[in-house]
């Protein structure tokens, strides 16, 4: 017998995971971007803005919300099967 997923808990877990991955990505990628572009011989047409905690918080909230919605949709669709 297949158990159903709790959509609220799955959405919360997905949102937390998305926010955590976003935070790790920003904190790791920001300082290493110049090195990465130099090693891979890549040039970007656009420049990265300076790091700010305000932008980081907005990104974390956005990642959490999108991750939660996607997690909820996944759990709801899974439970329908």
Protein backbone atom coordinates (compact mmCIF):
# COMPACT_ATOMS: atom_id res chain seq x y z
CA UNK A 1 0.00 0.00 0.00
CA UNK A 2 1.38 3.37 -1.02
CA UNK A 3 1.20 6.13 1.57
CA UNK A 4 0.08 9.60 0.62
CA UNK A 5 2.37 12.57 1.11
CA UNK A 6 1.40 15.31 3.51
CA UNK A 7 1.29 18.25 1.10
CA UNK A 8 1.90 20.93 3.74
CA UNK A 9 4.91 19.18 5.26
CA UNK A 10 6.36 18.34 1.84
CA UNK A 11 5.88 21.95 0.69
CA UNK A 12 7.60 23.24 3.83
CA UNK A 13 10.51 20.83 3.43
CA UNK A 14 10.88 21.76 -0.25
CA UNK A 15 10.82 25.45 0.57
CA UNK A 16 13.45 25.10 3.29
CA UNK A 17 15.69 23.00 1.03
CA UNK A 18 15.36 25.51 -1.83
CA UNK A 19 16.20 28.44 0.46
CA UNK A 20 19.19 26.57 1.91
CA UNK A 21 20.55 25.64 -1.52
CA UNK A 22 20.09 29.23 -2.72
CA UNK A 23 21.97 30.58 0.29
CA UNK A 24 24.84 28.12 -0.12
CA UNK A 25 25.00 28.88 -3.83
CA UNK A 26 25.19 32.63 -3.28
CA UNK A 27 27.79 32.38 -0.53
CA UNK A 28 29.98 29.99 -2.54
CA UNK A 29 29.56 31.44 -6.03
CA UNK A 30 29.90 35.14 -5.22
CA UNK A 31 33.52 35.04 -4.01
CA UNK A 32 34.60 32.48 -6.61
CA UNK A 33 33.03 34.03 -9.71
CA UNK A 34 36.16 35.80 -10.97
CA UNK A 35 38.19 32.62 -10.49
CA UNK A 36 35.54 30.50 -12.26
CA UNK A 37 35.39 32.80 -15.28
CA UNK A 38 39.19 32.88 -15.47
CA UNK A 39 39.59 29.08 -15.25
CA UNK A 40 36.89 28.35 -17.84
CA UNK A 41 37.76 31.23 -20.18
CA UNK A 42 34.22 32.54 -19.94
CA UNK A 43 33.22 36.16 -20.26
CA UNK A 44 29.83 37.46 -19.24
CA UNK A 45 28.02 40.25 -20.99
CA UNK A 46 26.36 41.13 -17.69
CA UNK A 47 28.07 41.95 -14.44
CA UNK A 48 27.17 40.70 -11.00
CA UNK A 49 26.06 43.30 -8.52
CA UNK A 50 27.86 43.67 -5.22
CA UNK A 51 26.86 41.31 -2.43
CA UNK A 52 24.27 42.68 -0.03
CA UNK A 53 22.35 41.01 2.77
CA UNK A 54 19.11 42.64 1.63
CA UNK A 55 19.34 41.02 -1.77
CA UNK A 56 20.30 37.72 -0.15
CA UNK A 57 17.20 37.83 2.09
CA UNK A 58 14.92 38.63 -0.86
CA UNK A 59 16.47 35.72 -2.79
CA UNK A 60 16.04 33.35 0.17
CA UNK A 61 12.38 34.33 0.53
CA UNK A 62 11.81 33.93 -3.22
CA UNK A 63 13.53 30.54 -3.29
CA UNK A 64 11.48 29.41 -0.27
CA UNK A 65 8.19 30.49 -1.86
CA UNK A 66 8.92 28.92 -5.24
CA UNK A 67 10.25 25.74 -3.61
CA UNK A 68 7.15 25.51 -1.42
CA UNK A 69 4.76 25.90 -4.35
CA UNK A 70 6.65 23.34 -6.44
CA UNK A 71 6.81 20.94 -3.47
CA UNK A 72 3.09 21.33 -2.80
CA UNK A 73 2.25 20.74 -6.47
CA UNK A 74 4.48 17.66 -6.55
CA UNK A 75 2.89 16.19 -3.42
CA UNK A 76 -0.64 16.96 -4.64
CA UNK A 77 0.01 15.33 -8.02
CA UNK A 78 1.70 12.34 -6.37
CA UNK A 79 -1.31 11.82 -4.10
CA UNK A 80 -3.65 11.87 -7.12
CA UNK A 81 -1.86 8.94 -8.75
